[in-house]
């Protein structure tokens, strides 16, 4: 049952990620805290920290996966999508009755990463020149062990 719920949530989030990438935003991208900074000031081993970091990494990896699909880099996209599902599973594992919160927050976070990437691409020509995206990718990669 949990596997079915995860598959449904992942499908919803993937669709949202694709929509977030496709849409243009007229507002300046918000500046979330870098995950590295969050981890330095919060206990990421506690459930709230695990959930926060897992949600951010799942969101970031879903965004990157969708972006890579648009760049026709499907093999690499599949790897990011698989890692995103692992992070999503970790977030759901500590959610306990807050599954709706998880499904609500991930698309919001994807939209933030998407807006930041779009702004970076417009300014520098590279979506990953955004300092938060760059830092968070390295952080998530480190905790994923990849």
Protein backbone atom coordinates (compact mmCIF):
# COMPACT_ATOMS: atom_id res chain seq x y z
CA UNK A 1 0.00 0.00 0.00
CA UNK A 2 2.82 2.38 0.88
CA UNK A 3 4.44 1.66 -2.49
CA UNK A 4 1.24 2.56 -4.32
CA UNK A 5 0.91 5.80 -2.33
CA UNK A 6 4.55 6.68 -3.09
CA UNK A 7 3.99 6.01 -6.80
CA UNK A 8 0.90 8.23 -6.87
CA UNK A 9 2.66 11.02 -4.99
CA UNK A 10 5.73 10.76 -7.24
CA UNK A 11 3.54 10.95 -10.36
CA UNK A 12 1.75 14.03 -9.02
CA UNK A 13 5.02 15.69 -8.14
CA UNK A 14 6.59 14.86 -11.50
CA UNK A 15 3.66 16.47 -13.30
CA UNK A 16 3.96 19.52 -11.06
CA UNK A 17 7.70 19.74 -11.73
CA UNK A 18 7.13 19.70 -15.47
CA UNK A 19 4.50 22.44 -15.13
CA UNK A 20 6.74 24.56 -12.89
CA UNK A 21 9.57 24.37 -15.42
CA UNK A 22 7.24 25.25 -18.29
CA UNK A 23 5.67 28.28 -16.60
CA UNK A 24 7.28 31.71 -16.46
CA UNK A 25 7.23 33.60 -13.18
CA UNK A 26 6.93 37.35 -12.99
CA UNK A 27 8.16 37.53 -9.39
CA UNK A 28 11.77 37.47 -8.30
CA UNK A 29 12.70 34.02 -6.99
CA UNK A 30 12.59 33.69 -3.21
CA UNK A 31 15.87 33.02 -1.47
CA UNK A 32 15.53 29.94 0.71
CA UNK A 33 18.26 29.05 3.16
CA UNK A 34 20.98 26.81 1.73
CA UNK A 35 20.67 23.27 3.05
CA UNK A 36 24.27 23.48 4.24
CA UNK A 37 23.35 26.48 6.41
CA UNK A 38 20.19 24.77 7.65
CA UNK A 39 22.19 21.69 8.67
CA UNK A 40 24.72 23.86 10.51
CA UNK A 41 22.02 25.39 12.72
CA UNK A 42 19.47 22.57 13.05
CA UNK A 43 19.55 18.93 14.13
CA UNK A 44 18.97 17.14 10.83
CA UNK A 45 18.83 13.79 12.65
CA UNK A 46 15.55 14.74 14.36
CA UNK A 47 12.30 14.03 12.48
CA UNK A 48 11.71 17.71 11.62
CA UNK A 49 15.22 18.03 10.22
CA UNK A 50 14.97 14.76 8.29
CA UNK A 51 11.66 15.90 6.83
CA UNK A 52 12.93 19.36 5.87
CA UNK A 53 16.11 18.12 4.22
CA UNK A 54 14.36 15.17 2.53
CA UNK A 55 11.63 17.43 1.14
CA UNK A 56 14.15 19.92 -0.21
CA UNK A 57 16.35 17.21 -1.76
CA UNK A 58 13.34 15.38 -3.25
CA UNK A 59 12.10 18.66 -4.71
CA UNK A 60 15.49 19.63 -6.09
CA UNK A 61 16.11 16.22 -7.61
CA UNK A 62 12.62 16.15 -9.17
CA UNK A 63 13.32 19.56 -10.70
CA UNK A 64 16.73 18.44 -12.01
CA UNK A 65 15.20 15.24 -13.39
CA UNK A 66 12.57 17.15 -15.35
CA UNK A 67 15.13 19.65 -16.60
CA UNK A 68 17.39 16.81 -17.79
CA UNK A 69 14.45 15.20 -19.61
CA UNK A 70 13.91 18.47 -21.48
CA UNK A 71 17.61 18.42 -22.41
CA UNK A 72 17.10 14.83 -23.71
CA UNK A 73 19.40 13.39 -21.05
CA UNK A 74 17.01 10.66 -20.03
CA UNK A 75 19.51 8.27 -18.44
CA UNK A 76 20.80 10.92 -16.04
CA UNK A 77 17.22 12.14 -15.46
CA UNK A 78 16.21 8.63 -14.39
CA UNK A 79 19.01 8.57 -11.81
CA UNK A 80 17.88 11.87 -10.32
CA UNK A 81 14.26 10.72 -10.32
CA UNK A 82 15.19 7.53 -8.48
CA UNK A 83 17.15 9.52 -5.88
CA UNK A 84 14.20 11.92 -5.55
CA UNK A 85 11.93 8.97 -4.76
CA UNK A 86 14.35 7.85 -2.05
CA UNK A 87 14.28 11.31 -0.48
CA UNK A 88 10.50 11.37 -0.79
CA UNK A 89 10.29 8.01 0.97
CA UNK A 90 12.42 9.41 3.81
CA UNK A 91 10.17 12.46 4.10
CA UNK A 92 7.06 10.29 4.17
CA UNK A 93 8.70 8.01 6.71
CA UNK A 94 8.79 10.79 9.29
CA UNK A 95 5.56 12.49 8.16
CA UNK A 96 3.27 10.15 10.14
CA UNK A 97 -0.16 11.55 9.38
CA UNK A 98 1.21 14.58 7.52
CA UNK A 99 1.34 13.05 4.05
CA UNK A 100 -0.78 15.92 2.71
CA UNK A 101 1.86 18.36 3.97
CA UNK A 102 4.51 16.48 1.99
CA UNK A 103 2.44 16.46 -1.20
CA UNK A 104 1.73 20.18 -0.72
CA UNK A 105 5.29 21.29 0.00
CA UNK A 106 7.19 19.45 -2.71
CA UNK A 107 5.52 21.25 -5.65
CA UNK A 108 6.05 24.59 -3.88
CA UNK A 109 9.73 23.84 -3.44
CA UNK A 110 10.05 22.67 -7.04
CA UNK A 111 8.58 25.99 -8.15
CA UNK A 112 11.13 27.90 -6.06
CA UNK A 113 14.04 25.93 -7.53
CA UNK A 114 12.56 26.35 -11.02
CA UNK A 115 12.25 30.13 -10.62
CA UNK A 116 15.82 30.38 -9.33
CA UNK A 117 17.14 28.24 -12.20
CA UNK A 118 15.27 30.32 -14.76
CA UNK A 119 16.70 33.52 -13.28
CA UNK A 120 20.22 32.04 -13.28
CA UNK A 121 19.86 30.93 -16.91
CA UNK A 122 18.71 34.41 -17.91
CA UNK A 123 21.57 36.07 -16.05
CA UNK A 124 24.44 33.67 -16.80
CA UNK A 125 23.28 31.18 -19.43
CA UNK A 126 23.60 28.32 -16.92
CA UNK A 127 20.71 27.12 -14.75
CA UNK A 128 23.11 25.80 -12.13
CA UNK A 129 24.95 29.08 -11.57
CA UNK A 130 22.41 29.91 -8.86
CA UNK A 131 24.36 29.65 -5.59
CA UNK A 132 21.50 27.94 -3.72
CA UNK A 133 20.90 25.34 -6.44
CA UNK A 134 24.61 24.68 -6.69
CA UNK A 135 25.08 24.36 -2.93
CA UNK A 136 21.94 22.26 -2.42
CA UNK A 137 22.86 19.85 -5.22
CA UNK A 138 26.24 19.25 -3.60
CA UNK A 139 24.62 18.85 -0.17
CA UNK A 140 21.97 16.39 -1.40
CA UNK A 141 24.57 14.46 -3.39
CA UNK A 142 26.71 14.13 -0.27
CA UNK A 143 23.89 12.82 1.92
CA UNK A 144 22.63 10.52 -0.84
CA UNK A 145 26.12 9.06 -1.07
CA UNK A 146 26.35 9.70 -4.80
